[in-house]
Each structure stands twice: as C-alpha cells, then as structure tokens.
C-alpha cells in the first residue's frame, strides 16, 4: 500500500513536467530518466526544500 502511494505521488509530480515535443531520441531518453528520477527521489527533494527553505 505504501509503495503504491509512493509511486502515485511521484507520478502526480511528473504531470507538472512538459514533455519535449520535437526532440530526438537522445533528448527523449534524458527526459525518461528525468521522469524516473522524479518517481524515485521526490521525497528527498521535499525534505531538502523543507530544511533548506525557499
């Protein structure tokens, strides 16, 4: 249940990113890794923002 919530929240954050429209294969690959990083590491980003501030 926690893993599902973790992935769903990460997916929600991914909706705020814009997909490159006219991108080559290399740019699409970078974009996919960027989205994967969002799915995995979003809690660390929130903790960093909490401690460091805006």
PDB file of N, CA and C in Angstrom:
ATOM      1  N   UNK A   1       0.824  -1.194   0.000  1.00  0.00           N
ATOM      2  CA  UNK A   1       0.000   0.000   0.000  1.00  0.00           C
ATOM      3  C   UNK A   1       0.869   1.259   0.000  1.00  0.00           C
ATOM      4  N   UNK A   2       1.926   1.262   0.812  1.00  0.00           N
ATOM      5  CA  UNK A   2       2.817   2.417   0.863  1.00  0.00           C
ATOM      6  C   UNK A   2       3.561   2.596  -0.465  1.00  0.00           C
ATOM      7  N   UNK A   3       3.961   1.482  -1.069  1.00  0.00           N
ATOM      8  CA  UNK A   3       4.673   1.572  -2.349  1.00  0.00           C
ATOM      9  C   UNK A   3       3.766   2.146  -3.431  1.00  0.00           C
ATOM     10  N   UNK A   4       2.505   1.764  -3.415  1.00  0.00           N
ATOM     11  CA  UNK A   4       1.553   2.296  -4.393  1.00  0.00           C
ATOM     12  C   UNK A   4       1.365   3.796  -4.197  1.00  0.00           C
ATOM     13  N   UNK A   5       1.227   4.226  -2.960  1.00  0.00           N
ATOM     14  CA  UNK A   5       1.086   5.657  -2.680  1.00  0.00           C
ATOM     15  C   UNK A   5       2.350   6.403  -3.096  1.00  0.00           C
ATOM     16  N   UNK A   6       3.496   5.826  -2.851  1.00  0.00           N
ATOM     17  CA  UNK A   6       4.783   6.433  -3.221  1.00  0.00           C
ATOM     18  C   UNK A   6       4.848   6.666  -4.727  1.00  0.00           C
ATOM     19  N   UNK A   7       4.486   5.649  -5.506  1.00  0.00           N
ATOM     20  CA  UNK A   7       4.529   5.757  -6.964  1.00  0.00           C
ATOM     21  C   UNK A   7       3.462   6.715  -7.474  1.00  0.00           C
ATOM     22  N   UNK A   8       2.278   6.686  -6.893  1.00  0.00           N
ATOM     23  CA  UNK A   8       1.214   7.584  -7.348  1.00  0.00           C
ATOM     24  C   UNK A   8       1.559   9.050  -7.100  1.00  0.00           C
ATOM     25  N   UNK A   9       2.135   9.354  -5.966  1.00  0.00           N
ATOM     26  CA  UNK A   9       2.527  10.737  -5.685  1.00  0.00           C
ATOM     27  C   UNK A   9       3.652  11.162  -6.622  1.00  0.00           C
ATOM     28  N   UNK A  10       4.610  10.290  -6.862  1.00  0.00           N
ATOM     29  CA  UNK A  10       5.679  10.599  -7.815  1.00  0.00           C
ATOM     30  C   UNK A  10       5.139  10.818  -9.216  1.00  0.00           C
ATOM     31  N   UNK A  11       4.155  10.025  -9.611  1.00  0.00           N
ATOM     32  CA  UNK A  11       3.520  10.199 -10.915  1.00  0.00           C
ATOM     33  C   UNK A  11       2.797  11.531 -10.982  1.00  0.00           C
ATOM     34  N   UNK A  12       2.161  11.925  -9.900  1.00  0.00           N
ATOM     35  CA  UNK A  12       1.481  13.219  -9.850  1.00  0.00           C
ATOM     36  C   UNK A  12       2.470  14.357 -10.088  1.00  0.00           C
ATOM     37  N   UNK A  13       3.655  14.277  -9.477  1.00  0.00           N
ATOM     38  CA  UNK A  13       4.672  15.303  -9.696  1.00  0.00           C
ATOM     39  C   UNK A  13       5.152  15.311 -11.144  1.00  0.00           C
ATOM     40  N   UNK A  14       5.160  14.151 -11.789  1.00  0.00           N
ATOM     41  CA  UNK A  14       5.597  14.079 -13.185  1.00  0.00           C
ATOM     42  C   UNK A  14       4.636  14.804 -14.120  1.00  0.00           C
ATOM     43  N   UNK A  15       3.376  14.935 -13.730  1.00  0.00           N
ATOM     44  CA  UNK A  15       2.407  15.621 -14.582  1.00  0.00           C
ATOM     45  C   UNK A  15       2.735  17.103 -14.740  1.00  0.00           C
ATOM     46  N   UNK A  16       3.527  17.676 -13.853  1.00  0.00           N
ATOM     47  CA  UNK A  16       3.882  19.087 -13.947  1.00  0.00           C
ATOM     48  C   UNK A  16       5.017  19.343 -14.935  1.00  0.00           C
ATOM     49  N   UNK A  17       5.654  18.291 -15.409  1.00  0.00           N
ATOM     50  CA  UNK A  17       6.762  18.437 -16.349  1.00  0.00           C
ATOM     51  C   UNK A  17       6.229  18.404 -17.776  1.00  0.00           C
ATOM     52  N   UNK A  18       6.844  19.184 -18.638  1.00  0.00           N
ATOM     53  CA  UNK A  18       6.443  19.200 -20.044  1.00  0.00           C
ATOM     54  C   UNK A  18       7.325  18.250 -20.835  1.00  0.00           C
ATOM     55  N   UNK A  19       6.683  17.445 -21.642  1.00  0.00           N
ATOM     56  CA  UNK A  19       7.416  16.520 -22.492  1.00  0.00           C
ATOM     57  C   UNK A  19       7.935  17.276 -23.714  1.00  0.00           C
ATOM     58  N   UNK A  20       9.187  17.028 -24.110  1.00  0.00           N
ATOM     59  CA  UNK A  20       9.703  17.704 -25.306  1.00  0.00           C
ATOM     60  C   UNK A  20       8.929  17.265 -26.545  1.00  0.00           C
ATOM     61  N   UNK A  21       8.493  18.234 -27.338  1.00  0.00           N
ATOM     62  CA  UNK A  21       7.637  17.940 -28.491  1.00  0.00           C
ATOM     63  C   UNK A  21       8.459  17.464 -29.680  1.00  0.00           C
ATOM     64  N   UNK A  22       9.400  18.264 -30.104  1.00  0.00           N
ATOM     65  CA  UNK A  22      10.215  17.914 -31.271  1.00  0.00           C
ATOM     66  C   UNK A  22      11.625  17.569 -30.807  1.00  0.00           C
ATOM     67  N   UNK A  23      11.729  16.460 -30.126  1.00  0.00           N
ATOM     68  CA  UNK A  23      13.019  16.061 -29.559  1.00  0.00           C
ATOM     69  C   UNK A  23      13.524  14.809 -30.265  1.00  0.00           C
ATOM     70  N   UNK A  24      14.827  14.691 -30.286  1.00  0.00           N
ATOM     71  CA  UNK A  24      15.433  13.494 -30.854  1.00  0.00           C
ATOM     72  C   UNK A  24      15.402  12.358 -29.840  1.00  0.00           C
ATOM     73  N   UNK A  25      15.917  11.222 -30.257  1.00  0.00           N
ATOM     74  CA  UNK A  25      15.919  10.057 -29.364  1.00  0.00           C
ATOM     75  C   UNK A  25      16.748  10.306 -28.109  1.00  0.00           C
ATOM     76  N   UNK A  26      17.852  11.018 -28.249  1.00  0.00           N
ATOM     77  CA  UNK A  26      18.711  11.275 -27.092  1.00  0.00           C
ATOM     78  C   UNK A  26      17.998  12.159 -26.076  1.00  0.00           C
ATOM     79  N   UNK A  27      17.313  13.182 -26.546  1.00  0.00           N
ATOM     80  CA  UNK A  27      16.588  14.068 -25.638  1.00  0.00           C
ATOM     81  C   UNK A  27      15.424  13.343 -24.974  1.00  0.00           C
ATOM     82  N   UNK A  28      14.766  12.460 -25.709  1.00  0.00           N
ATOM     83  CA  UNK A  28      13.677  11.683 -25.117  1.00  0.00           C
ATOM     84  C   UNK A  28      14.205  10.736 -24.052  1.00  0.00           C
ATOM     85  N   UNK A  29      15.387  10.174 -24.267  1.00  0.00           N
ATOM     86  CA  UNK A  29      15.993   9.284 -23.276  1.00  0.00           C
ATOM     87  C   UNK A  29      16.323  10.047 -21.999  1.00  0.00           C
ATOM     88  N   UNK A  30      16.890  11.233 -22.153  1.00  0.00           N
ATOM     89  CA  UNK A  30      17.199  12.056 -20.986  1.00  0.00           C
ATOM     90  C   UNK A  30      15.916  12.402 -20.243  1.00  0.00           C
ATOM     91  N   UNK A  31      14.872  12.737 -20.981  1.00  0.00           N
ATOM     92  CA  UNK A  31      13.585  13.068 -20.374  1.00  0.00           C
ATOM     93  C   UNK A  31      13.028  11.879 -19.590  1.00  0.00           C
ATOM     94  N   UNK A  32      13.144  10.674 -20.139  1.00  0.00           N
ATOM     95  CA  UNK A  32      12.625   9.488 -19.450  1.00  0.00           C
ATOM     96  C   UNK A  32      13.402   9.220 -18.162  1.00  0.00           C
ATOM     97  N   UNK A  33      14.719   9.411 -18.173  1.00  0.00           N
ATOM     98  CA  UNK A  33      15.498   9.245 -16.951  1.00  0.00           C
ATOM     99  C   UNK A  33      15.160  10.323 -15.932  1.00  0.00           C
ATOM    100  N   UNK A  34      14.873  11.511 -16.418  1.00  0.00           N
ATOM    101  CA  UNK A  34      14.456  12.603 -15.537  1.00  0.00           C
ATOM    102  C   UNK A  34      13.138  12.245 -14.843  1.00  0.00           C
ATOM    103  N   UNK A  35      12.206  11.694 -15.589  1.00  0.00           N
ATOM    104  CA  UNK A  35      10.925  11.283 -15.001  1.00  0.00           C
ATOM    105  C   UNK A  35      11.120  10.130 -14.014  1.00  0.00           C
ATOM    106  N   UNK A  36      12.002   9.212 -14.337  1.00  0.00           N
ATOM    107  CA  UNK A  36      12.297   8.108 -13.423  1.00  0.00           C
ATOM    108  C   UNK A  36      12.881   8.638 -12.119  1.00  0.00           C
ATOM    109  N   UNK A  37      13.755   9.625 -12.227  1.00  0.00           N
ATOM    110  CA  UNK A  37      14.320  10.235 -11.021  1.00  0.00           C
ATOM    111  C   UNK A  37      13.230  10.903 -10.190  1.00  0.00           C
ATOM    112  N   UNK A  38      12.280  11.563 -10.839  1.00  0.00           N
ATOM    113  CA  UNK A  38      11.161  12.169 -10.106  1.00  0.00           C
ATOM    114  C   UNK A  38      10.369  11.103  -9.365  1.00  0.00           C
ATOM    115  N   UNK A  39      10.106   9.981 -10.027  1.00  0.00           N
ATOM    116  CA  UNK A  39       9.329   8.916  -9.389  1.00  0.00           C
ATOM    117  C   UNK A  39      10.034   8.340  -8.169  1.00  0.00           C
ATOM    118  N   UNK A  40      11.357   8.259  -8.222  1.00  0.00           N
ATOM    119  CA  UNK A  40      12.098   7.612  -7.142  1.00  0.00           C
ATOM    120  C   UNK A  40      12.477   8.581  -6.029  1.00  0.00           C
ATOM    121  N   UNK A  41      12.957   9.767  -6.393  1.00  0.00           N
ATOM    122  CA  UNK A  41      13.590  10.648  -5.412  1.00  0.00           C
ATOM    123  C   UNK A  41      12.751  11.831  -4.969  1.00  0.00           C
ATOM    124  N   UNK A  42      11.453  11.871  -5.275  1.00  0.00           N
ATOM    125  CA  UNK A  42      10.660  13.046  -4.905  1.00  0.00           C
ATOM    126  C   UNK A  42      10.623  13.302  -3.404  1.00  0.00           C
ATOM    127  N   UNK A  43      10.627  12.303  -2.511  1.00  0.00           N
ATOM    128  CA  UNK A  43      10.617  12.628  -1.077  1.00  0.00           C
ATOM    129  C   UNK A  43      11.892  13.351  -0.630  1.00  0.00           C
ATOM    130  N   UNK A  44      13.028  12.990  -1.226  1.00  0.00           N
ATOM    131  CA  UNK A  44      14.281  13.645  -0.857  1.00  0.00           C
ATOM    132  C   UNK A  44      14.268  15.116  -1.257  1.00  0.00           C
ATOM    133  N   UNK A  45      13.665  15.415  -2.393  1.00  0.00           N
ATOM    134  CA  UNK A  45      13.562  16.811  -2.823  1.00  0.00           C
ATOM    135  C   UNK A  45      12.700  17.608  -1.847  1.00  0.00           C
ATOM    136  N   UNK A  46      11.606  17.036  -1.396  1.00  0.00           N
ATOM    137  CA  UNK A  46      10.749  17.732  -0.438  1.00  0.00           C
ATOM    138  C   UNK A  46      11.455  17.941   0.899  1.00  0.00           C
ATOM    139  N   UNK A  47      12.193  16.948   1.353  1.00  0.00           N
ATOM    140  CA  UNK A  47      12.940  17.077   2.609  1.00  0.00           C
ATOM    141  C   UNK A  47      14.016  18.146   2.464  1.00  0.00           C
ATOM    142  N   UNK A  48      14.705  18.167   1.322  1.00  0.00           N
ATOM    143  CA  UNK A  48      15.735  19.177   1.068  1.00  0.00           C
ATOM    144  C   UNK A  48      15.130  20.577   1.113  1.00  0.00           C
ATOM    145  N   UNK A  49      13.982  20.756   0.453  1.00  0.00           N
ATOM    146  CA  UNK A  49      13.321  22.066   0.446  1.00  0.00           C
ATOM    147  C   UNK A  49      12.865  22.453   1.853  1.00  0.00           C
ATOM    148  N   UNK A  50      12.436  21.487   2.633  1.00  0.00           N
ATOM    149  CA  UNK A  50      11.970  21.757   3.985  1.00  0.00           C
ATOM    150  C   UNK A  50      13.109  22.271   4.867  1.00  0.00           C
ATOM    151  N   UNK A  51      14.268  21.617   4.792  1.00  0.00           N
ATOM    152  CA  UNK A  51      15.390  22.006   5.632  1.00  0.00           C
ATOM    153  C   UNK A  51      16.128  23.235   5.112  1.00  0.00           C
ATOM    154  N   UNK A  52      16.239  23.363   3.806  1.00  0.00           N
ATOM    155  CA  UNK A  52      16.989  24.475   3.235  1.00  0.00           C
ATOM    156  C   UNK A  52      16.135  25.734   3.126  1.00  0.00           C
ATOM    157  N   UNK A  53      14.861  25.574   2.913  1.00  0.00           N
ATOM    158  CA  UNK A  53      13.981  26.728   2.741  1.00  0.00           C
ATOM    159  C   UNK A  53      13.864  27.110   1.282  1.00  0.00           C
ATOM    160  N   UNK A  54      13.068  28.123   1.028  1.00  0.00           N
ATOM    161  CA  UNK A  54      12.858  28.538  -0.362  1.00  0.00           C
ATOM    162  C   UNK A  54      13.869  29.495  -0.746  1.00  0.00           C
TER     163      UNK A  54
END
